[in-house]
Amino acid sequence: MALDRDGAKLAAGLSVAALAALAGYNAIRAKRAIASLTCGRMMAIDGLRLHFIEAGTGMPLLLLHGNGSMAEDFKSSGVFDEAAKT
């Protein structure tokens, strides 16, 4: 059964409202995640916020975590502490 014009408008309006609600929820969750960081600091570079952790006094080393992992994974595995030794 095809939607009539009013039904199509209603469906489109509900879809837009649902997407707006999800975007708002995602923004709230992102702010909470940043606020709950247990280590490191945030820095803005050209408008992009980056989370980083500093340790040691040697040459800088950049560790990039993969999808689904966090910087804390480097700390809990001991990789971060080993790399920070000078």
PDB file of N, CA and C in Angstrom:
ATOM      1  N   MET A   1       0.844  -1.167   0.000  1.00  0.00           N
ATOM      2  CA  MET A   1       0.000   0.000   0.000  1.00  0.00           C
ATOM      3  C   MET A   1       0.897   1.240   0.000  1.00  0.00           C
ATOM      4  N   ALA A   2       0.706   2.079  -0.947  1.00  0.00           N
ATOM      5  CA  ALA A   2       1.520   3.284  -1.075  1.00  0.00           C
ATOM      6  C   ALA A   2       1.058   4.343  -0.077  1.00  0.00           C
ATOM      7  N   LEU A   3       2.017   5.091   0.434  1.00  0.00           N
ATOM      8  CA  LEU A   3       1.691   6.186   1.342  1.00  0.00           C
ATOM      9  C   LEU A   3       1.093   7.342   0.555  1.00  0.00           C
ATOM     10  N   ASP A   4       0.059   7.939   1.104  1.00  0.00           N
ATOM     11  CA  ASP A   4      -0.444   9.146   0.462  1.00  0.00           C
ATOM     12  C   ASP A   4       0.481  10.309   0.809  1.00  0.00           C
ATOM     13  N   ARG A   5       0.230  11.461   0.259  1.00  0.00           N
ATOM     14  CA  ARG A   5       1.113  12.610   0.435  1.00  0.00           C
ATOM     15  C   ARG A   5       1.256  12.986   1.910  1.00  0.00           C
ATOM     16  N   ASP A   6       0.153  13.000   2.674  1.00  0.00           N
ATOM     17  CA  ASP A   6       0.223  13.347   4.093  1.00  0.00           C
ATOM     18  C   ASP A   6       1.010  12.302   4.874  1.00  0.00           C
ATOM     19  N   GLY A   7       0.828  11.042   4.532  1.00  0.00           N
ATOM     20  CA  GLY A   7       1.576   9.976   5.199  1.00  0.00           C
ATOM     21  C   GLY A   7       3.062  10.076   4.918  1.00  0.00           C
ATOM     22  N   ALA A   8       3.407  10.436   3.701  1.00  0.00           N
ATOM     23  CA  ALA A   8       4.817  10.591   3.338  1.00  0.00           C
ATOM     24  C   ALA A   8       5.442  11.762   4.093  1.00  0.00           C
ATOM     25  N   LYS A   9       4.688  12.856   4.232  1.00  0.00           N
ATOM     26  CA  LYS A   9       5.191  14.002   4.996  1.00  0.00           C
ATOM     27  C   LYS A   9       5.390  13.633   6.458  1.00  0.00           C
ATOM     28  N   LEU A  10       4.440  12.884   7.010  1.00  0.00           N
ATOM     29  CA  LEU A  10       4.553  12.458   8.406  1.00  0.00           C
ATOM     30  C   LEU A  10       5.777  11.561   8.592  1.00  0.00           C
ATOM     31  N   ALA A  11       5.961  10.613   7.678  1.00  0.00           N
ATOM     32  CA  ALA A  11       7.113   9.710   7.766  1.00  0.00           C
ATOM     33  C   ALA A  11       8.425  10.486   7.652  1.00  0.00           C
ATOM     34  N   ALA A  12       8.477  11.450   6.755  1.00  0.00           N
ATOM     35  CA  ALA A  12       9.691  12.258   6.595  1.00  0.00           C
ATOM     36  C   ALA A  12       9.951  13.090   7.846  1.00  0.00           C
ATOM     37  N   GLY A  13       8.907  13.672   8.396  1.00  0.00           N
ATOM     38  CA  GLY A  13       9.059  14.473   9.611  1.00  0.00           C
ATOM     39  C   GLY A  13       9.531  13.644  10.787  1.00  0.00           C
ATOM     40  N   LEU A  14       8.965  12.451  10.947  1.00  0.00           N
ATOM     41  CA  LEU A  14       9.388  11.561  12.030  1.00  0.00           C
ATOM     42  C   LEU A  14      10.836  11.115  11.840  1.00  0.00           C
ATOM     43  N   SER A  15      11.235  10.882  10.607  1.00  0.00           N
ATOM     44  CA  SER A  15      12.620  10.482  10.330  1.00  0.00           C
ATOM     45  C   SER A  15      13.594  11.599  10.685  1.00  0.00           C
ATOM     46  N   VAL A  16      13.250  12.820  10.322  1.00  0.00           N
ATOM     47  CA  VAL A  16      14.108  13.965  10.644  1.00  0.00           C
ATOM     48  C   VAL A  16      14.194  14.144  12.156  1.00  0.00           C
ATOM     49  N   ALA A  17      13.061  14.014  12.847  1.00  0.00           N
ATOM     50  CA  ALA A  17      13.055  14.157  14.307  1.00  0.00           C
ATOM     51  C   ALA A  17      13.902  13.071  14.965  1.00  0.00           C
ATOM     52  N   ALA A  18      13.808  11.845  14.463  1.00  0.00           N
ATOM     53  CA  ALA A  18      14.598  10.747  15.026  1.00  0.00           C
ATOM     54  C   ALA A  18      16.089  10.983  14.802  1.00  0.00           C
ATOM     55  N   LEU A  19      16.467  11.436  13.624  1.00  0.00           N
ATOM     56  CA  LEU A  19      17.880  11.717  13.342  1.00  0.00           C
ATOM     57  C   LEU A  19      18.402  12.855  14.208  1.00  0.00           C
ATOM     58  N   ALA A  20      17.587  13.881  14.427  1.00  0.00           N
ATOM     59  CA  ALA A  20      18.002  14.993  15.289  1.00  0.00           C
ATOM     60  C   ALA A  20      18.186  14.518  16.725  1.00  0.00           C
ATOM     61  N   ALA A  21      17.280  13.662  17.196  1.00  0.00           N
ATOM     62  CA  ALA A  21      17.401  13.129  18.555  1.00  0.00           C
ATOM     63  C   ALA A  21      18.661  12.287  18.694  1.00  0.00           C
ATOM     64  N   LEU A  22      18.962  11.462  17.703  1.00  0.00           N
ATOM     65  CA  LEU A  22      20.173  10.640  17.747  1.00  0.00           C
ATOM     66  C   LEU A  22      21.433  11.498  17.705  1.00  0.00           C
ATOM     67  N   ALA A  23      21.422  12.551  16.917  1.00  0.00           N
ATOM     68  CA  ALA A  23      22.584  13.449  16.859  1.00  0.00           C
ATOM     69  C   ALA A  23      22.796  14.133  18.206  1.00  0.00           C
ATOM     70  N   GLY A  24      21.721  14.558  18.844  1.00  0.00           N
ATOM     71  CA  GLY A  24      21.829  15.172  20.165  1.00  0.00           C
ATOM     72  C   GLY A  24      22.353  14.200  21.197  1.00  0.00           C
ATOM     73  N   TYR A  25      21.845  12.975  21.157  1.00  0.00           N
ATOM     74  CA  TYR A  25      22.300  11.939  22.088  1.00  0.00           C
ATOM     75  C   TYR A  25      23.783  11.652  21.882  1.00  0.00           C
ATOM     76  N   ASN A  26      24.213  11.580  20.638  1.00  0.00           N
ATOM     77  CA  ASN A  26      25.620  11.324  20.325  1.00  0.00           C
ATOM     78  C   ASN A  26      26.509  12.458  20.838  1.00  0.00           C
ATOM     79  N   ALA A  27      26.066  13.700  20.711  1.00  0.00           N
ATOM     80  CA  ALA A  27      26.846  14.841  21.203  1.00  0.00           C
ATOM     81  C   ALA A  27      26.994  14.785  22.720  1.00  0.00           C
ATOM     82  N   ILE A  28      25.924  14.421  23.413  1.00  0.00           N
ATOM     83  CA  ILE A  28      25.981  14.301  24.875  1.00  0.00           C
ATOM     84  C   ILE A  28      26.945  13.202  25.281  1.00  0.00           C
ATOM     85  N   ARG A  29      26.874  12.054  24.613  1.00  0.00           N
ATOM     86  CA  ARG A  29      27.778  10.941  24.929  1.00  0.00           C
ATOM     87  C   ARG A  29      29.234  11.315  24.667  1.00  0.00           C
ATOM     88  N   ALA A  30      29.503  12.058  23.603  1.00  0.00           N
ATOM     89  CA  ALA A  30      30.874  12.469  23.291  1.00  0.00           C
ATOM     90  C   ALA A  30      31.416  13.397  24.375  1.00  0.00           C
ATOM     91  N   LYS A  31      30.602  14.333  24.848  1.00  0.00           N
ATOM     92  CA  LYS A  31      31.045  15.236  25.918  1.00  0.00           C
ATOM     93  C   LYS A  31      31.321  14.461  27.197  1.00  0.00           C
ATOM     94  N   ARG A  32      30.480  13.490  27.509  1.00  0.00           N
ATOM     95  CA  ARG A  32      30.699  12.674  28.707  1.00  0.00           C
ATOM     96  C   ARG A  32      31.974  11.851  28.583  1.00  0.00           C
ATOM     97  N   ALA A  33      32.246  11.324  27.392  1.00  0.00           N
ATOM     98  CA  ALA A  33      33.454  10.518  27.188  1.00  0.00           C
ATOM     99  C   ALA A  33      34.704  11.363  27.384  1.00  0.00           C
ATOM    100  N   ILE A  34      34.705  12.574  26.864  1.00  0.00           N
ATOM    101  CA  ILE A  34      35.859  13.458  27.030  1.00  0.00           C
ATOM    102  C   ILE A  34      36.039  13.829  28.493  1.00  0.00           C
ATOM    103  N   ALA A  35      34.929  14.082  29.186  1.00  0.00           N
ATOM    104  CA  ALA A  35      35.000  14.469  30.599  1.00  0.00           C
ATOM    105  C   ALA A  35      35.498  13.332  31.480  1.00  0.00           C
ATOM    106  N   SER A  36      35.320  12.086  31.034  1.00  0.00           N
ATOM    107  CA  SER A  36      35.696  10.943  31.866  1.00  0.00           C
ATOM    108  C   SER A  36      37.080  10.384  31.550  1.00  0.00           C
ATOM    109  N   LEU A  37      37.865  11.079  30.733  1.00  0.00           N
ATOM    110  CA  LEU A  37      39.213  10.599  30.431  1.00  0.00           C
ATOM    111  C   LEU A  37      40.009  10.470  31.722  1.00  0.00           C
ATOM    112  N   THR A  38      40.650   9.330  31.899  1.00  0.00           N
ATOM    113  CA  THR A  38      41.370   9.071  33.143  1.00  0.00           C
ATOM    114  C   THR A  38      42.824   9.517  33.094  1.00  0.00           C
ATOM    115  N   CYS A  39      43.351   9.740  31.915  1.00  0.00           N
ATOM    116  CA  CYS A  39      44.743  10.161  31.819  1.00  0.00           C
ATOM    117  C   CYS A  39      44.911  11.039  30.591  1.00  0.00           C
ATOM    118  N   GLY A  40      45.964  11.809  30.603  1.00  0.00           N
ATOM    119  CA  GLY A  40      46.271  12.632  29.446  1.00  0.00           C
ATOM    120  C   GLY A  40      45.586  13.984  29.462  1.00  0.00           C
ATOM    121  N   ARG A  41      45.773  14.686  28.359  1.00  0.00           N
ATOM    122  CA  ARG A  41      45.212  16.024  28.203  1.00  0.00           C
ATOM    123  C   ARG A  41      44.603  16.161  26.819  1.00  0.00           C
ATOM    124  N   MET A  42      43.858  17.251  26.632  1.00  0.00           N
ATOM    125  CA  MET A  42      43.279  17.574  25.334  1.00  0.00           C
ATOM    126  C   MET A  42      43.983  18.812  24.788  1.00  0.00           C
ATOM    127  N   MET A  43      44.166  18.852  23.463  1.00  0.00           N
ATOM    128  CA  MET A  43      44.781  19.996  22.803  1.00  0.00           C
ATOM    129  C   MET A  43      44.023  20.232  21.498  1.00  0.00           C
ATOM    130  N   ALA A  44      43.799  21.488  21.159  1.00  0.00           N
ATOM    131  CA  ALA A  44      43.145  21.822  19.893  1.00  0.00           C
ATOM    132  C   ALA A  44      44.200  22.271  18.889  1.00  0.00           C
ATOM    133  N   ILE A  45      44.211  21.637  17.729  1.00  0.00           N
ATOM    134  CA  ILE A  45      45.124  21.991  16.647  1.00  0.00           C
ATOM    135  C   ILE A  45      44.279  22.211  15.404  1.00  0.00           C
ATOM    136  N   ASP A  46      44.270  23.435  14.905  1.00  0.00           N
ATOM    137  CA  ASP A  46      43.446  23.799  13.744  1.00  0.00           C
ATOM    138  C   ASP A  46      41.991  23.379  13.932  1.00  0.00           C
ATOM    139  N   GLY A  47      41.486  23.562  15.139  1.00  0.00           N
ATOM    140  CA  GLY A  47      40.089  23.256  15.424  1.00  0.00           C
ATOM    141  C   GLY A  47      39.799  21.799  15.723  1.00  0.00           C
ATOM    142  N   LEU A  48      40.790  20.938  15.628  1.00  0.00           N
ATOM    143  CA  LEU A  48      40.612  19.515  15.910  1.00  0.00           C
ATOM    144  C   LEU A  48      41.105  19.218  17.314  1.00  0.00           C
ATOM    145  N   ARG A  49      40.255  18.612  18.144  1.00  0.00           N
ATOM    146  CA  ARG A  49      40.649  18.285  19.519  1.00  0.00           C
ATOM    147  C   ARG A  49      41.334  16.930  19.543  1.00  0.00           C
ATOM    148  N   LEU A  50      42.531  16.905  20.109  1.00  0.00           N
ATOM    149  CA  LEU A  50      43.315  15.679  20.200  1.00  0.00           C
ATOM    150  C   LEU A  50      43.564  15.338  21.657  1.00  0.00           C
ATOM    151  N   HIS A  51      43.466  14.064  21.979  1.00  0.00           N
ATOM    152  CA  HIS A  51      43.781  13.571  23.321  1.00  0.00           C
ATOM    153  C   HIS A  51      45.179  12.980  23.255  1.00  0.00           C
ATOM    154  N   PHE A  52      46.033  13.352  24.217  1.00  0.00           N
ATOM    155  CA  PHE A  52      47.394  12.821  24.203  1.00  0.00           C
ATOM    156  C   PHE A  52      47.888  12.604  25.621  1.00  0.00           C
ATOM    157  N   ILE A  53      48.911  11.762  25.724  1.00  0.00           N
ATOM    158  CA  ILE A  53      49.545  11.444  26.999  1.00  0.00           C
ATOM    159  C   ILE A  53      51.042  11.664  26.813  1.00  0.00           C
ATOM    160  N   GLU A  54      51.661  12.346  27.759  1.00  0.00           N
ATOM    161  CA  GLU A  54      53.101  12.598  27.708  1.00  0.00           C
ATOM    162  C   GLU A  54      53.798  11.862  28.844  1.00  0.00           C
ATOM    163  N   ALA A  55      54.981  11.341  28.550  1.00  0.00           N
ATOM    164  CA  ALA A  55      55.814  10.709  29.582  1.00  0.00           C
ATOM    165  C   ALA A  55      57.235  10.627  29.054  1.00  0.00           C
ATOM    166  N   GLY A  56      58.186  10.559  29.958  1.00  0.00           N
ATOM    167  CA  GLY A  56      59.583  10.424  29.564  1.00  0.00           C
ATOM    168  C   GLY A  56      60.179  11.736  29.088  1.00  0.00           C
ATOM    169  N   THR A  57      61.482  11.687  28.791  1.00  0.00           N
ATOM    170  CA  THR A  57      62.192  12.893  28.359  1.00  0.00           C
ATOM    171  C   THR A  57      62.938  12.690  27.049  1.00  0.00           C
ATOM    172  N   GLY A  58      62.819  11.534  26.448  1.00  0.00           N
ATOM    173  CA  GLY A  58      63.535  11.246  25.207  1.00  0.00           C
ATOM    174  C   GLY A  58      62.842  11.820  23.986  1.00  0.00           C
ATOM    175  N   MET A  59      63.224  11.301  22.827  1.00  0.00           N
ATOM    176  CA  MET A  59      62.632  11.723  21.565  1.00  0.00           C
ATOM    177  C   MET A  59      61.139  11.395  21.566  1.00  0.00           C
ATOM    178  N   PRO A  60      60.330  12.249  20.957  1.00  0.00           N
ATOM    179  CA  PRO A  60      58.893  11.975  20.901  1.00  0.00           C
ATOM    180  C   PRO A  60      58.600  10.689  20.132  1.00  0.00           C
ATOM    181  N   LEU A  61      57.607   9.974  20.598  1.00  0.00           N
ATOM    182  CA  LEU A  61      57.146   8.748  19.951  1.00  0.00           C
ATOM    183  C   LEU A  61      55.636   8.828  19.874  1.00  0.00           C
ATOM    184  N   LEU A  62      55.084   8.620  18.704  1.00  0.00           N
ATOM    185  CA  LEU A  62      53.642   8.675  18.513  1.00  0.00           C
ATOM    186  C   LEU A  62      53.103   7.255  18.412  1.00  0.00           C
ATOM    187  N   LEU A  63      52.218   6.892  19.329  1.00  0.00           N
ATOM    188  CA  LEU A  63      51.551   5.594  19.299  1.00  0.00           C
ATOM    189  C   LEU A  63      50.110   5.822  18.871  1.00  0.00           C
ATOM    190  N   LEU A  64      49.691   5.199  17.800  1.00  0.00           N
ATOM    191  CA  LEU A  64      48.315   5.328  17.318  1.00  0.00           C
ATOM    192  C   LEU A  64      47.566   4.043  17.631  1.00  0.00           C
ATOM    193  N   HIS A  65      46.458   4.187  18.324  1.00  0.00           N
ATOM    194  CA  HIS A  65      45.658   2.998  18.614  1.00  0.00           C
ATOM    195  C   HIS A  65      44.728   2.722  17.445  1.00  0.00           C
ATOM    196  N   GLY A  66      44.311   1.490  17.333  1.00  0.00           N
ATOM    197  CA  GLY A  66      43.442   1.096  16.235  1.00  0.00           C
ATOM    198  C   GLY A  66      41.975   1.232  16.576  1.00  0.00           C
ATOM    199  N   ASN A  67      41.156   0.850  15.645  1.00  0.00           N
ATOM    200  CA  ASN A  67      39.711   0.918  15.817  1.00  0.00           C
ATOM    201  C   ASN A  67      39.275   0.020  16.967  1.00  0.00           C
ATOM    202  N   GLY A  68      38.514   0.576  17.871  1.00  0.00           N
ATOM    203  CA  GLY A  68      38.003  -0.211  18.985  1.00  0.00           C
ATOM    204  C   GLY A  68      38.926  -0.276  20.176  1.00  0.00           C
ATOM    205  N   SER A  69      40.074   0.359  20.102  1.00  0.00           N
ATOM    206  CA  SER A  69      40.979   0.378  21.248  1.00  0.00           C
ATOM    207  C   SER A  69      41.167   1.819  21.711  1.00  0.00           C
ATOM    208  N   MET A  70      41.815   1.973  22.866  1.00  0.00           N
ATOM    209  CA  MET A  70      42.002   3.300  23.451  1.00  0.00           C
ATOM    210  C   MET A  70      43.447   3.463  23.886  1.00  0.00           C
ATOM    211  N   ALA A  71      43.830   4.694  24.189  1.00  0.00           N
ATOM    212  CA  ALA A  71      45.182   4.961  24.678  1.00  0.00           C
ATOM    213  C   ALA A  71      45.443   4.195  25.966  1.00  0.00           C
ATOM    214  N   GLU A  72      44.401   4.006  26.776  1.00  0.00           N
ATOM    215  CA  GLU A  72      44.552   3.274  28.031  1.00  0.00           C
ATOM    216  C   GLU A  72      45.001   1.828  27.795  1.00  0.00           C
ATOM    217  N   ASP A  73      44.715   1.286  26.611  1.00  0.00           N
ATOM    218  CA  ASP A  73      45.166  -0.069  26.291  1.00  0.00           C
ATOM    219  C   ASP A  73      46.692  -0.137  26.246  1.00  0.00           C
ATOM    220  N   PHE A  74      47.351   0.921  25.755  1.00  0.00           N
ATOM    221  CA  PHE A  74      48.811   0.967  25.760  1.00  0.00           C
ATOM    222  C   PHE A  74      49.339   0.986  27.188  1.00  0.00           C
ATOM    223  N   LYS A  75      48.643   1.694  28.076  1.00  0.00           N
ATOM    224  CA  LYS A  75      49.083   1.776  29.469  1.00  0.00           C
ATOM    225  C   LYS A  75      48.885   0.441  30.181  1.00  0.00           C
ATOM    226  N   SER A  76      47.729  -0.175  30.007  1.00  0.00           N
ATOM    227  CA  SER A  76      47.456  -1.422  30.732  1.00  0.00           C
ATOM    228  C   SER A  76      48.317  -2.582  30.238  1.00  0.00           C
ATOM    229  N   SER A  77      48.757  -2.535  28.984  1.00  0.00           N
ATOM    230  CA  SER A  77      49.595  -3.612  28.452  1.00  0.00           C
ATOM    231  C   SER A  77      51.068  -3.440  28.807  1.00  0.00           C
ATOM    232  N   GLY A  78      51.450  -2.247  29.288  1.00  0.00           N
ATOM    233  CA  GLY A  78      52.844  -1.983  29.623  1.00  0.00           C
ATOM    234  C   GLY A  78      53.641  -1.373  28.485  1.00  0.00           C
ATOM    235  N   VAL A  79      53.060  -1.303  27.292  1.00  0.00           N
ATOM    236  CA  VAL A  79      53.765  -0.748  26.133  1.00  0.00           C
ATOM    237  C   VAL A  79      54.120   0.718  26.380  1.00  0.00           C
ATOM    238  N   PHE A  80      53.187   1.483  26.926  1.00  0.00           N
ATOM    239  CA  PHE A  80      53.420   2.905  27.164  1.00  0.00           C
ATOM    240  C   PHE A  80      54.564   3.117  28.148  1.00  0.00           C
ATOM    241  N   ASP A  81      54.545   2.400  29.264  1.00  0.00           N
ATOM    242  CA  ASP A  81      55.597   2.565  30.271  1.00  0.00           C
ATOM    243  C   ASP A  81      56.964   2.157  29.729  1.00  0.00           C
ATOM    244  N   GLU A  82      57.001   1.105  28.939  1.00  0.00           N
ATOM    245  CA  GLU A  82      58.272   0.655  28.356  1.00  0.00           C
ATOM    246  C   GLU A  82      58.805   1.692  27.366  1.00  0.00           C
ATOM    247  N   ALA A  83      57.919   2.259  26.559  1.00  0.00           N
ATOM    248  CA  ALA A  83      58.344   3.258  25.573  1.00  0.00           C
ATOM    249  C   ALA A  83      58.767   4.563  26.236  1.00  0.00           C
ATOM    250  N   ALA A  84      58.227   4.860  27.421  1.00  0.00           N
ATOM    251  CA  ALA A  84      58.541   6.116  28.110  1.00  0.00           C
ATOM    252  C   ALA A  84      59.870   6.072  28.844  1.00  0.00           C
ATOM    253  N   LYS A  85      60.476   4.903  28.964  1.00  0.00           N
ATOM    254  CA  LYS A  85      61.770   4.808  29.648  1.00  0.00           C
ATOM    255  C   LYS A  85      62.825   5.558  28.850  1.00  0.00           C
ATOM    256  N   THR A  86      63.685   6.279  29.566  1.00  0.00           N
ATOM    257  CA  THR A  86      64.740   7.025  28.858  1.00  0.00           C
ATOM    258  C   THR A  86      66.099   6.508  29.251  1.00  0.00           C
TER     259      THR A  86
END
